[in-house]
Amino acid sequence: MGEIKEITAKMLQFRAERDWEQFHNHKDVALSLVLEATEVLEHFQWKSPEEVVRHGRDQKEALADELADVAWYLFELAHDLDIDLPQAITSKMKKNAAKYPVEKCKGRHTKYDKL
């Protein structure tokens, strides 16, 4: 998990060198996160399940770039909001484990309140 901190530090340095922090308020970074996520979705729009698999394989570099953009804004926003992302993920996994016990949900996509 130390890699997240290292990458985030490099990203923050990149941002600082360009004096972009002034533009990167929480709202705009959150908007950018969503916009980049939609660019990931765009790769799969209107494709059949078979085409999705093929596209994922054939456009791996382009998809990696889009996922890197999503991660960039995610890590930046977590940093700026003083959220320890690995700890937040661990905490959320515990909450999800309580909401989705294996014996009730294994192999099912039912929402927790309908199990």
N, C-alpha and C. Protein backbone atom coordinates (compact mmCIF):
# COMPACT_ATOMS: atom_id res chain seq x y z
N MET A 1 0.81 -1.20 0.00
CA MET A 1 0.00 0.00 0.00
C MET A 1 0.85 1.26 0.00
N GLY A 2 2.12 1.11 0.32
CA GLY A 2 3.03 2.25 0.27
C GLY A 2 3.18 2.80 -1.13
N GLU A 3 2.92 1.95 -2.13
CA GLU A 3 3.01 2.41 -3.52
C GLU A 3 2.00 3.51 -3.81
N ILE A 4 0.82 3.43 -3.20
CA ILE A 4 -0.19 4.47 -3.41
C ILE A 4 0.35 5.80 -2.92
N LYS A 5 0.98 5.80 -1.76
CA LYS A 5 1.54 7.05 -1.22
C LYS A 5 2.66 7.58 -2.11
N GLU A 6 3.50 6.68 -2.62
CA GLU A 6 4.59 7.10 -3.50
C GLU A 6 4.06 7.69 -4.80
N ILE A 7 3.11 7.01 -5.40
CA ILE A 7 2.53 7.50 -6.67
C ILE A 7 1.82 8.83 -6.42
N THR A 8 1.06 8.91 -5.32
CA THR A 8 0.35 10.15 -5.00
C THR A 8 1.35 11.30 -4.82
N ALA A 9 2.45 11.06 -4.16
CA ALA A 9 3.47 12.09 -3.97
C ALA A 9 4.01 12.57 -5.32
N LYS A 10 4.25 11.64 -6.25
CA LYS A 10 4.72 12.03 -7.59
C LYS A 10 3.66 12.84 -8.33
N MET A 11 2.40 12.44 -8.19
CA MET A 11 1.31 13.17 -8.83
C MET A 11 1.21 14.59 -8.27
N LEU A 12 1.31 14.70 -6.95
CA LEU A 12 1.23 16.02 -6.32
C LEU A 12 2.39 16.91 -6.75
N GLN A 13 3.57 16.32 -6.92
CA GLN A 13 4.73 17.07 -7.41
C GLN A 13 4.45 17.55 -8.84
N PHE A 14 3.93 16.68 -9.68
CA PHE A 14 3.58 17.02 -11.06
C PHE A 14 2.59 18.19 -11.06
N ARG A 15 1.58 18.11 -10.20
CA ARG A 15 0.57 19.17 -10.10
C ARG A 15 1.20 20.47 -9.62
N ALA A 16 2.05 20.40 -8.62
CA ALA A 16 2.68 21.60 -8.05
C ALA A 16 3.60 22.27 -9.06
N GLU A 17 4.36 21.47 -9.80
CA GLU A 17 5.29 22.04 -10.79
C GLU A 17 4.56 22.85 -11.85
N ARG A 18 3.31 22.54 -12.09
CA ARG A 18 2.52 23.23 -13.10
C ARG A 18 1.59 24.28 -12.51
N ASP A 19 1.63 24.42 -11.19
CA ASP A 19 0.77 25.35 -10.47
C ASP A 19 -0.71 25.08 -10.76
N TRP A 20 -1.08 23.81 -10.75
CA TRP A 20 -2.45 23.42 -11.05
C TRP A 20 -3.31 23.25 -9.80
N GLU A 21 -2.69 23.25 -8.63
CA GLU A 21 -3.47 23.04 -7.41
C GLU A 21 -4.59 24.08 -7.30
N GLN A 22 -4.33 25.27 -7.80
CA GLN A 22 -5.34 26.33 -7.74
C GLN A 22 -6.63 25.94 -8.48
N PHE A 23 -6.54 25.05 -9.43
CA PHE A 23 -7.70 24.63 -10.21
C PHE A 23 -8.34 23.35 -9.68
N HIS A 24 -7.63 22.65 -8.81
CA HIS A 24 -8.04 21.32 -8.40
C HIS A 24 -8.78 21.34 -7.07
N ASN A 25 -9.95 21.98 -7.05
CA ASN A 25 -10.78 21.95 -5.85
C ASN A 25 -11.53 20.62 -5.81
N HIS A 26 -12.11 20.30 -4.66
CA HIS A 26 -12.75 19.00 -4.49
C HIS A 26 -13.82 18.73 -5.55
N LYS A 27 -14.65 19.73 -5.85
CA LYS A 27 -15.72 19.54 -6.81
C LYS A 27 -15.18 19.22 -8.19
N ASP A 28 -14.21 19.98 -8.65
CA ASP A 28 -13.70 19.77 -10.00
C ASP A 28 -12.90 18.47 -10.13
N VAL A 29 -12.21 18.09 -9.07
CA VAL A 29 -11.50 16.80 -9.11
C VAL A 29 -12.51 15.66 -9.11
N ALA A 30 -13.58 15.78 -8.32
CA ALA A 30 -14.63 14.75 -8.32
C ALA A 30 -15.29 14.67 -9.69
N LEU A 31 -15.56 15.80 -10.30
CA LEU A 31 -16.13 15.81 -11.66
C LEU A 31 -15.18 15.15 -12.65
N SER A 32 -13.91 15.44 -12.54
CA SER A 32 -12.92 14.85 -13.43
C SER A 32 -12.86 13.33 -13.25
N LEU A 33 -12.98 12.88 -12.01
CA LEU A 33 -13.00 11.46 -11.72
C LEU A 33 -14.15 10.77 -12.47
N VAL A 34 -15.33 11.36 -12.39
CA VAL A 34 -16.50 10.79 -13.08
C VAL A 34 -16.33 10.86 -14.59
N LEU A 35 -15.85 11.98 -15.09
CA LEU A 35 -15.66 12.12 -16.54
C LEU A 35 -14.67 11.09 -17.08
N GLU A 36 -13.60 10.87 -16.36
CA GLU A 36 -12.62 9.87 -16.80
C GLU A 36 -13.21 8.47 -16.73
N ALA A 37 -14.03 8.20 -15.71
CA ALA A 37 -14.68 6.89 -15.62
C ALA A 37 -15.62 6.67 -16.80
N THR A 38 -16.27 7.72 -17.27
CA THR A 38 -17.15 7.55 -18.44
C THR A 38 -16.33 7.28 -19.70
N GLU A 39 -15.10 7.75 -19.73
CA GLU A 39 -14.25 7.44 -20.88
C GLU A 39 -13.89 5.95 -20.90
N VAL A 40 -13.81 5.34 -19.72
CA VAL A 40 -13.62 3.89 -19.65
C VAL A 40 -14.87 3.21 -20.21
N LEU A 41 -16.02 3.65 -19.78
CA LEU A 41 -17.28 3.07 -20.26
C LEU A 41 -17.44 3.19 -21.76
N GLU A 42 -17.00 4.30 -22.30
CA GLU A 42 -17.13 4.54 -23.74
C GLU A 42 -16.47 3.43 -24.56
N HIS A 43 -15.42 2.85 -24.02
CA HIS A 43 -14.74 1.77 -24.73
C HIS A 43 -15.65 0.56 -24.94
N PHE A 44 -16.62 0.38 -24.07
CA PHE A 44 -17.45 -0.82 -24.10
C PHE A 44 -18.87 -0.57 -24.60
N GLN A 45 -19.19 0.71 -24.79
CA GLN A 45 -20.55 1.06 -25.21
C GLN A 45 -20.91 0.38 -26.54
N TRP A 46 -22.09 -0.14 -26.59
CA TRP A 46 -22.69 -0.74 -27.79
C TRP A 46 -22.00 -2.02 -28.25
N LYS A 47 -21.20 -2.62 -27.42
CA LYS A 47 -20.51 -3.85 -27.81
C LYS A 47 -21.18 -5.06 -27.17
N SER A 48 -21.19 -6.15 -27.90
CA SER A 48 -21.71 -7.41 -27.37
C SER A 48 -20.72 -7.95 -26.34
N PRO A 49 -21.14 -8.92 -25.53
CA PRO A 49 -20.20 -9.50 -24.56
C PRO A 49 -18.91 -10.02 -25.22
N GLU A 50 -19.04 -10.60 -26.40
CA GLU A 50 -17.86 -11.11 -27.10
C GLU A 50 -16.96 -9.95 -27.56
N GLU A 51 -17.58 -8.89 -28.05
CA GLU A 51 -16.80 -7.73 -28.50
C GLU A 51 -16.11 -7.05 -27.32
N VAL A 52 -16.76 -7.05 -26.18
CA VAL A 52 -16.17 -6.45 -24.97
C VAL A 52 -14.88 -7.17 -24.60
N VAL A 53 -14.92 -8.49 -24.63
CA VAL A 53 -13.72 -9.27 -24.30
C VAL A 53 -12.61 -8.98 -25.31
N ARG A 54 -12.95 -8.98 -26.57
CA ARG A 54 -11.95 -8.72 -27.62
C ARG A 54 -11.40 -7.30 -27.51
N HIS A 55 -12.28 -6.34 -27.28
CA HIS A 55 -11.84 -4.94 -27.17
C HIS A 55 -10.91 -4.76 -25.97
N GLY A 56 -11.26 -5.40 -24.86
CA GLY A 56 -10.41 -5.32 -23.66
C GLY A 56 -9.01 -5.84 -23.93
N ARG A 57 -8.93 -6.87 -24.73
CA ARG A 57 -7.62 -7.45 -25.06
C ARG A 57 -6.89 -6.58 -26.09
N ASP A 58 -7.61 -6.12 -27.11
CA ASP A 58 -6.99 -5.39 -28.21
C ASP A 58 -6.65 -3.93 -27.87
N GLN A 59 -7.37 -3.37 -26.93
CA GLN A 59 -7.17 -1.95 -26.58
C GLN A 59 -6.63 -1.79 -25.15
N LYS A 60 -5.82 -2.74 -24.76
CA LYS A 60 -5.31 -2.76 -23.39
C LYS A 60 -4.57 -1.48 -23.01
N GLU A 61 -3.73 -0.98 -23.89
CA GLU A 61 -2.97 0.24 -23.56
C GLU A 61 -3.90 1.44 -23.41
N ALA A 62 -4.85 1.59 -24.32
CA ALA A 62 -5.79 2.71 -24.24
C ALA A 62 -6.63 2.61 -22.96
N LEU A 63 -7.06 1.41 -22.62
CA LEU A 63 -7.82 1.22 -21.39
C LEU A 63 -6.96 1.49 -20.16
N ALA A 64 -5.70 1.08 -20.22
CA ALA A 64 -4.78 1.35 -19.11
C ALA A 64 -4.63 2.85 -18.90
N ASP A 65 -4.53 3.61 -19.99
CA ASP A 65 -4.44 5.07 -19.89
C ASP A 65 -5.68 5.66 -19.22
N GLU A 66 -6.85 5.17 -19.62
CA GLU A 66 -8.09 5.68 -19.03
C GLU A 66 -8.20 5.31 -17.56
N LEU A 67 -7.85 4.08 -17.21
CA LEU A 67 -7.89 3.68 -15.81
C LEU A 67 -6.87 4.46 -14.98
N ALA A 68 -5.73 4.78 -15.58
CA ALA A 68 -4.73 5.60 -14.89
C ALA A 68 -5.30 6.99 -14.61
N ASP A 69 -6.05 7.54 -15.55
CA ASP A 69 -6.68 8.85 -15.32
C ASP A 69 -7.67 8.78 -14.16
N VAL A 70 -8.47 7.71 -14.11
CA VAL A 70 -9.42 7.52 -13.01
C VAL A 70 -8.67 7.44 -11.69
N ALA A 71 -7.62 6.62 -11.65
CA ALA A 71 -6.84 6.45 -10.43
C ALA A 71 -6.19 7.77 -10.01
N TRP A 72 -5.71 8.52 -10.99
CA TRP A 72 -5.07 9.81 -10.70
C TRP A 72 -6.01 10.69 -9.89
N TYR A 73 -7.21 10.90 -10.40
CA TYR A 73 -8.15 11.78 -9.70
C TYR A 73 -8.64 11.16 -8.39
N LEU A 74 -8.77 9.84 -8.34
CA LEU A 74 -9.15 9.18 -7.10
C LEU A 74 -8.10 9.41 -6.03
N PHE A 75 -6.84 9.14 -6.36
CA PHE A 75 -5.77 9.31 -5.39
C PHE A 75 -5.62 10.78 -4.97
N GLU A 76 -5.75 11.67 -5.95
CA GLU A 76 -5.63 13.10 -5.64
C GLU A 76 -6.74 13.55 -4.69
N LEU A 77 -7.97 13.14 -4.99
CA LEU A 77 -9.09 13.55 -4.15
C LEU A 77 -8.96 12.96 -2.74
N ALA A 78 -8.57 11.71 -2.66
CA ALA A 78 -8.36 11.09 -1.35
C ALA A 78 -7.30 11.87 -0.56
N HIS A 79 -6.21 12.22 -1.21
CA HIS A 79 -5.16 13.00 -0.55
C HIS A 79 -5.71 14.35 -0.07
N ASP A 80 -6.37 15.06 -0.97
CA ASP A 80 -6.84 16.41 -0.64
C ASP A 80 -7.90 16.41 0.45
N LEU A 81 -8.66 15.30 0.57
CA LEU A 81 -9.67 15.18 1.62
C LEU A 81 -9.11 14.52 2.88
N ASP A 82 -7.81 14.22 2.86
CA ASP A 82 -7.13 13.57 3.99
C ASP A 82 -7.77 12.23 4.33
N ILE A 83 -8.02 11.45 3.27
CA ILE A 83 -8.57 10.10 3.43
C ILE A 83 -7.47 9.10 3.10
N ASP A 84 -7.21 8.22 4.04
CA ASP A 84 -6.25 7.13 3.83
C ASP A 84 -6.98 6.08 3.01
N LEU A 85 -6.71 6.05 1.72
CA LEU A 85 -7.46 5.20 0.80
C LEU A 85 -7.34 3.70 1.15
N PRO A 86 -6.14 3.17 1.39
CA PRO A 86 -6.07 1.75 1.78
C PRO A 86 -6.89 1.45 3.03
N GLN A 87 -6.85 2.34 4.02
CA GLN A 87 -7.63 2.13 5.23
C GLN A 87 -9.12 2.24 4.92
N ALA A 88 -9.52 3.17 4.07
CA ALA A 88 -10.92 3.32 3.70
C ALA A 88 -11.43 2.07 2.97
N ILE A 89 -10.60 1.51 2.11
CA ILE A 89 -10.98 0.29 1.38
C ILE A 89 -11.14 -0.87 2.35
N THR A 90 -10.21 -1.00 3.28
CA THR A 90 -10.28 -2.06 4.28
C THR A 90 -11.55 -1.92 5.12
N SER A 91 -11.85 -0.71 5.54
CA SER A 91 -13.05 -0.44 6.33
C SER A 91 -14.31 -0.78 5.53
N LYS A 92 -14.34 -0.37 4.27
CA LYS A 92 -15.51 -0.65 3.42
C LYS A 92 -15.68 -2.14 3.18
N MET A 93 -14.59 -2.87 3.04
CA MET A 93 -14.67 -4.33 2.87
C MET A 93 -15.32 -4.98 4.10
N LYS A 94 -14.97 -4.49 5.29
CA LYS A 94 -15.58 -5.03 6.52
C LYS A 94 -17.08 -4.75 6.54
N LYS A 95 -17.47 -3.54 6.15
CA LYS A 95 -18.89 -3.19 6.11
C LYS A 95 -19.61 -4.06 5.08
N ASN A 96 -18.99 -4.25 3.91
CA ASN A 96 -19.61 -5.08 2.87
C ASN A 96 -19.72 -6.54 3.30
N ALA A 97 -18.72 -7.03 4.02
CA ALA A 97 -18.76 -8.41 4.51
C ALA A 97 -19.94 -8.61 5.45
N ALA A 98 -20.25 -7.60 6.26
CA ALA A 98 -21.40 -7.70 7.16
C ALA A 98 -22.72 -7.62 6.39
N LYS A 99 -22.75 -6.79 5.35
CA LYS A 99 -23.97 -6.64 4.56
C LYS A 99 -24.19 -7.82 3.61
N TYR A 100 -23.11 -8.44 3.18
CA TYR A 100 -23.18 -9.52 2.20
C TYR A 100 -22.49 -10.78 2.74
N PRO A 101 -23.09 -11.46 3.73
CA PRO A 101 -22.47 -12.68 4.23
C PRO A 101 -22.45 -13.76 3.14
N VAL A 102 -21.37 -14.49 3.06
CA VAL A 102 -21.17 -15.48 2.01
C VAL A 102 -22.35 -16.44 1.93
N GLU A 103 -22.83 -16.91 3.08
CA GLU A 103 -23.89 -17.91 3.07
C GLU A 103 -25.20 -17.38 2.48
N LYS A 104 -25.38 -16.07 2.43
CA LYS A 104 -26.61 -15.50 1.87
C LYS A 104 -26.44 -15.03 0.43
N CYS A 105 -25.25 -14.65 0.04
CA CYS A 105 -25.12 -13.97 -1.25
C CYS A 105 -24.23 -14.66 -2.27
N LYS A 106 -23.58 -15.74 -1.91
CA LYS A 106 -22.67 -16.39 -2.85
C LYS A 106 -23.38 -16.76 -4.14
N GLY A 107 -22.86 -16.26 -5.25
CA GLY A 107 -23.41 -16.54 -6.56
C GLY A 107 -24.66 -15.74 -6.90
N ARG A 108 -25.00 -14.76 -6.08
CA ARG A 108 -26.19 -13.94 -6.30
C ARG A 108 -25.79 -12.48 -6.43
N HIS A 109 -26.53 -11.72 -7.20
CA HIS A 109 -26.26 -10.29 -7.34
C HIS A 109 -27.32 -9.43 -6.65
N THR A 110 -28.07 -10.05 -5.75
CA THR A 110 -29.14 -9.37 -5.03
C THR A 110 -28.57 -8.33 -4.07
N LYS A 111 -29.21 -7.17 -4.02
CA LYS A 111 -28.79 -6.12 -3.10
C LYS A 111 -28.98 -6.60 -1.66
N TYR A 112 -28.11 -6.13 -0.78
CA TYR A 112 -28.08 -6.60 0.61
C TYR A 112 -29.42 -6.52 1.32
N ASP A 113 -30.21 -5.51 1.04
CA ASP A 113 -31.49 -5.35 1.76
C ASP A 113 -32.58 -6.28 1.21
N LYS A 114 -32.26 -7.05 0.19
CA LYS A 114 -33.21 -8.00 -0.38
C LYS A 114 -32.77 -9.45 -0.19
N LEU A 115 -31.66 -9.66 0.49
CA LEU A 115 -31.18 -11.03 0.72
C LEU A 115 -32.06 -11.78 1.71
